[in-house]
């Protein structure tokens, strides 16, 4: 049986590949569990510096939920007595990940797949990849991913995508991604971007992502109080001491992740 998610290690980077090319890498329970397991494994290995999330093949990053898997039209198993949507669990897990998650958008990212893209920290896409939320075309709205769309998209862009259900090409959506490149240049630009992240302080990034997730939800006064606490804490880490020493000695730092 084909694994729905493939985990690969490439140097200091952990790759999570949705492996359902015949279903346009659509989401179901197994895919969600596989992505979460990949994030768990990456965070447990202190030598991993970043995570790349992508889809198999060259047609789709992720086309959203696989709506043909069950008779009720849902790709997920939801307990009526405890109706916590599987997509919520995955998005919360991505939010809690203290490693940078980079989306390699190798093709269409639609509906829930667009939500995955928005939940990543950085994104590189082939310029002709279609991005959007098509839920209104089947009578619903992109509820589970809406908090992440609101974080990434300007309001009017968000409303146009949600209300029209019409996708746009990545080259026209630079408010969503970092870089849109020809398909032949996708991996080169991805490697360049990941390399710029992976050689920085893992401690600074880990604590920084934790702080960002907290500060984003706080009112300004509480955010400033939390920020000054985190800065004082970070300055006592081994990586901070090494970074300052390397700067003063005009040499490259030797990060230990401590």
Protein backbone atom coordinates (compact mmCIF):
# COMPACT_ATOMS: atom_id res chain seq x y z
CA UNK A 1 0.00 0.00 0.00
CA UNK A 2 1.32 3.45 -0.93
CA UNK A 3 2.16 5.65 2.04
CA UNK A 4 -0.10 8.74 2.05
CA UNK A 5 2.76 10.87 3.38
CA UNK A 6 6.48 10.38 2.74
CA UNK A 7 9.07 11.72 5.18
CA UNK A 8 12.54 12.46 3.83
CA UNK A 9 15.67 13.90 5.36
CA UNK A 10 17.75 16.14 3.11
CA UNK A 11 20.71 17.45 5.04
CA UNK A 12 19.43 19.65 7.85
CA UNK A 13 15.95 19.84 6.31
CA UNK A 14 13.03 17.46 6.90
CA UNK A 15 10.71 17.05 3.89
CA UNK A 16 7.06 16.12 4.30
CA UNK A 17 5.55 15.02 0.98
CA UNK A 18 1.81 14.42 0.54
CA UNK A 19 1.91 11.29 -1.60
CA UNK A 20 -1.52 11.07 -3.26
CA UNK A 21 -0.73 12.32 -6.73
CA UNK A 22 -3.67 10.43 -8.26
CA UNK A 23 -6.03 12.36 -5.92
CA UNK A 24 -4.22 15.67 -6.44
CA UNK A 25 -2.67 15.22 -2.98
CA UNK A 26 -6.05 15.71 -1.33
CA UNK A 27 -6.40 15.63 2.43
CA UNK A 28 -7.92 12.81 4.46
CA UNK A 29 -7.41 11.41 7.96
CA UNK A 30 -4.25 9.52 6.96
CA UNK A 31 -2.64 12.54 5.32
CA UNK A 32 -3.36 14.76 8.30
CA UNK A 33 -1.92 12.17 10.68
CA UNK A 34 1.14 11.79 8.46
CA UNK A 35 1.89 15.50 8.32
CA UNK A 36 1.52 15.81 12.09
CA UNK A 37 3.81 12.80 12.60
CA UNK A 38 6.37 14.38 10.30
CA UNK A 39 6.35 17.58 12.33
CA UNK A 40 6.71 15.59 15.55
CA UNK A 41 9.71 13.69 14.16
CA UNK A 42 11.37 16.86 12.87
CA UNK A 43 11.03 18.69 16.17
CA UNK A 44 12.32 15.68 18.10
CA UNK A 45 15.58 15.77 16.09
CA UNK A 46 17.64 18.75 17.22
CA UNK A 47 19.77 18.57 14.08
CA UNK A 48 16.79 19.50 11.86
CA UNK A 49 16.77 23.20 10.98
CA UNK A 50 13.67 23.52 8.80
CA UNK A 51 10.71 21.62 7.37
CA UNK A 52 9.59 21.62 3.73
CA UNK A 53 5.95 20.71 3.03
CA UNK A 54 5.02 19.78 -0.55
CA UNK A 55 2.95 17.45 -2.70
CA UNK A 56 3.99 14.60 -4.97
CA UNK A 57 4.20 15.19 -8.71
CA UNK A 58 3.87 18.48 -10.54
CA UNK A 59 0.12 19.06 -10.67
CA UNK A 60 -0.97 19.85 -7.12
CA UNK A 61 0.47 20.94 -3.81
CA UNK A 62 -2.84 19.96 -2.22
CA UNK A 63 -6.34 20.23 -3.68
CA UNK A 64 -8.09 20.34 -0.28
CA UNK A 65 -10.24 17.65 1.28
CA UNK A 66 -10.90 14.47 -0.68
CA UNK A 67 -14.67 14.85 -0.99
CA UNK A 68 -15.21 11.46 -2.65
CA UNK A 69 -13.94 9.25 0.15
CA UNK A 70 -17.12 8.89 2.19
CA UNK A 71 -20.81 8.76 1.39
CA UNK A 72 -21.50 11.93 3.39
CA UNK A 73 -19.01 13.86 1.29
CA UNK A 74 -16.51 14.29 4.12
CA UNK A 75 -12.90 13.15 3.85
CA UNK A 76 -12.59 13.01 7.63
CA UNK A 77 -13.94 10.91 10.46
CA UNK A 78 -15.67 13.21 12.95
CA UNK A 79 -17.11 11.99 16.23
CA UNK A 80 -20.55 13.57 16.69
CA UNK A 81 -20.07 13.43 20.46
CA UNK A 82 -16.72 15.28 20.22
CA UNK A 83 -16.82 17.14 16.91
CA UNK A 84 -13.27 18.45 16.74
CA UNK A 85 -12.40 18.73 13.08
CA UNK A 86 -9.16 16.95 12.07
CA UNK A 87 -8.08 20.02 10.11
CA UNK A 88 -8.17 22.04 13.32
CA UNK A 89 -5.78 19.59 14.96
CA UNK A 90 -3.37 19.83 12.03
CA UNK A 91 -3.41 23.62 11.84
CA UNK A 92 -2.84 23.88 15.58
CA UNK A 93 0.08 21.46 15.27
CA UNK A 94 1.59 23.55 12.49
CA UNK A 95 1.09 26.68 14.59
CA UNK A 96 2.90 25.07 17.52
CA UNK A 97 5.86 23.90 15.42
CA UNK A 98 8.96 25.84 16.41
CA UNK A 99 10.84 24.92 13.26
CA UNK A 100 10.32 27.08 10.16
CA UNK A 101 7.84 25.39 7.78
CA UNK A 102 8.39 26.23 4.12
CA UNK A 103 5.71 25.41 1.55
CA UNK A 104 7.04 24.14 -1.79
CA UNK A 105 4.01 24.87 -3.93
CA UNK A 106 4.55 22.51 -6.85
CA UNK A 107 1.02 22.92 -8.21
CA UNK A 108 -2.51 23.91 -7.27
CA UNK A 109 -3.16 24.83 -3.62
CA UNK A 110 -6.93 24.98 -3.26
CA UNK A 111 -9.46 25.01 -0.41
CA UNK A 112 -7.87 23.18 2.54
CA UNK A 113 -4.64 23.01 0.56
CA UNK A 114 -4.62 26.79 0.40
CA UNK A 115 -5.10 26.77 4.17
CA UNK A 116 -2.02 24.53 4.54
CA UNK A 117 -0.06 27.02 2.46
CA UNK A 118 -1.19 29.93 4.63
CA UNK A 119 -0.31 28.02 7.81
CA UNK A 120 3.31 27.65 6.64
CA UNK A 121 5.84 30.30 7.57
CA UNK A 122 7.32 30.79 4.09
CA UNK A 123 6.32 29.73 0.60
CA UNK A 124 7.93 29.28 -2.80
CA UNK A 125 5.59 28.51 -5.69
CA UNK A 126 5.74 27.78 -9.36
CA UNK A 127 4.33 30.90 -10.97
CA UNK A 128 1.47 29.13 -12.74
CA UNK A 129 0.20 27.29 -9.63
CA UNK A 130 -3.47 28.02 -8.93
CA UNK A 131 -4.22 29.32 -5.43
CA UNK A 132 -7.60 29.89 -3.87
CA UNK A 133 -10.65 28.74 -1.97
CA UNK A 134 -13.43 27.20 -4.03
CA UNK A 135 -15.85 26.31 -1.23
CA UNK A 136 -18.63 28.69 -2.29
CA UNK A 137 -18.93 26.68 -5.50
CA UNK A 138 -20.26 23.74 -3.45
CA UNK A 139 -22.34 25.82 -1.05
CA UNK A 140 -19.99 26.19 1.91
CA UNK A 141 -17.30 28.62 3.11
CA UNK A 142 -13.62 28.03 4.05
CA UNK A 143 -14.34 27.95 7.78
CA UNK A 144 -11.54 25.77 9.17
CA UNK A 145 -8.78 27.67 7.40
CA UNK A 146 -10.26 31.17 7.75
CA UNK A 147 -8.10 32.21 10.76
CA UNK A 148 -4.97 31.50 8.71
CA UNK A 149 -6.27 33.25 5.62
CA UNK A 150 -6.98 36.31 7.79
CA UNK A 151 -3.39 36.31 9.05
CA UNK A 152 -1.83 36.18 5.60
CA UNK A 153 -4.18 37.92 3.18
CA UNK A 154 -5.21 41.58 2.92
CA UNK A 155 -8.93 41.86 3.61
CA UNK A 156 -10.11 42.76 0.12
CA UNK A 157 -8.04 40.00 -1.47
CA UNK A 158 -9.44 37.56 1.06
CA UNK A 159 -13.02 38.58 0.34
CA UNK A 160 -12.57 38.34 -3.42
CA UNK A 161 -11.16 34.82 -3.17
CA UNK A 162 -13.77 33.64 -0.66
CA UNK A 163 -16.80 35.22 -2.32
CA UNK A 164 -15.93 34.41 -5.93
CA UNK A 165 -14.41 30.98 -5.41
CA UNK A 166 -12.13 31.73 -8.36
CA UNK A 167 -8.43 30.87 -7.98
CA UNK A 168 -5.53 33.05 -9.11
CA UNK A 169 -2.08 32.13 -10.34
CA UNK A 170 0.78 32.39 -7.87
CA UNK A 171 2.42 35.09 -9.97
CA UNK A 172 -0.61 37.26 -9.19
CA UNK A 173 -0.64 36.46 -5.46
CA UNK A 174 2.58 37.84 -4.06
CA UNK A 175 0.70 38.80 -0.90
CA UNK A 176 0.41 35.06 -0.17
CA UNK A 177 3.82 33.67 -1.11
CA UNK A 178 7.43 34.79 -0.92
CA UNK A 179 8.56 33.86 -4.43
CA UNK A 180 6.82 32.79 -7.64
CA UNK A 181 9.18 31.29 -10.21
CA UNK A 182 9.03 29.20 -13.39
CA UNK A 183 8.53 25.50 -12.67
CA UNK A 184 12.10 24.68 -13.71
CA UNK A 185 13.45 27.08 -11.09
CA UNK A 186 11.23 25.99 -8.18
CA UNK A 187 13.73 23.77 -6.37
CA UNK A 188 16.67 26.10 -6.88
CA UNK A 189 14.77 29.01 -5.35
CA UNK A 190 13.47 26.76 -2.56
CA UNK A 191 17.00 25.58 -1.71
CA UNK A 192 18.21 29.18 -1.73
CA UNK A 193 15.48 30.32 0.66
CA UNK A 194 15.77 27.32 2.99
CA UNK A 195 19.55 27.75 3.05
CA UNK A 196 19.16 31.34 4.23
CA UNK A 197 17.09 30.07 7.17
CA UNK A 198 18.91 26.84 8.03
CA UNK A 199 22.26 28.54 8.66
CA UNK A 200 20.87 30.89 11.31
CA UNK A 201 20.58 30.30 15.05
CA UNK A 202 18.16 27.42 15.68
CA UNK A 203 17.60 28.70 19.21
CA UNK A 204 16.81 32.21 18.02
CA UNK A 205 14.35 30.87 15.46
CA UNK A 206 12.77 28.37 17.86
CA UNK A 207 12.17 30.92 20.61
CA UNK A 208 11.30 33.59 18.07
CA UNK A 209 8.54 31.50 16.52
CA UNK A 210 7.18 30.75 19.99
CA UNK A 211 7.17 34.46 20.80
CA UNK A 212 5.52 35.41 17.52
CA UNK A 213 2.69 32.94 18.08
CA UNK A 214 2.04 34.41 21.52
CA UNK A 215 2.50 38.11 20.73
CA UNK A 216 0.15 37.84 17.74
CA UNK A 217 -2.74 37.07 20.12
CA UNK A 218 -1.96 39.67 22.81
CA UNK A 219 -3.03 43.31 23.16
CA UNK A 220 -0.16 45.75 22.69
CA UNK A 221 0.63 46.35 26.36
CA UNK A 222 0.74 42.66 27.23
CA UNK A 223 2.71 41.96 24.06
CA UNK A 224 5.40 44.44 25.04
CA UNK A 225 5.68 42.96 28.52
CA UNK A 226 6.01 39.47 27.06
CA UNK A 227 8.52 40.68 24.47
CA UNK A 228 10.88 42.18 27.04
CA UNK A 229 10.76 38.97 29.08
CA UNK A 230 11.54 36.86 26.01
CA UNK A 231 14.40 39.12 24.94
CA UNK A 232 16.01 38.86 28.36
CA UNK A 233 15.59 35.10 28.30
CA UNK A 234 16.99 34.74 24.77
CA UNK A 235 20.05 36.83 25.61
CA UNK A 236 21.08 34.18 28.14
CA UNK A 237 21.10 31.32 25.61
CA UNK A 238 24.27 29.77 24.28
CA UNK A 239 23.44 30.77 20.72
CA UNK A 240 22.95 34.42 21.69
CA UNK A 241 26.31 34.51 23.48
CA UNK A 242 27.95 32.81 20.50
CA UNK A 243 26.31 35.15 18.02
CA UNK A 244 27.50 38.27 19.84
CA UNK A 245 31.02 36.84 20.25
CA UNK A 246 31.22 35.93 16.57
CA UNK A 247 30.04 39.41 15.58
CA UNK A 248 32.66 41.13 17.73
CA UNK A 249 35.39 38.74 16.52
CA UNK A 250 34.32 39.10 12.88
CA UNK A 251 33.88 35.36 12.31
CA UNK A 252 31.09 32.99 11.37
CA UNK A 253 29.09 31.76 14.39
CA UNK A 254 29.08 28.12 15.46
CA UNK A 255 25.46 27.48 16.40
CA UNK A 256 24.75 24.74 18.94
CA UNK A 257 21.01 25.19 19.25
CA UNK A 258 21.35 25.76 23.00
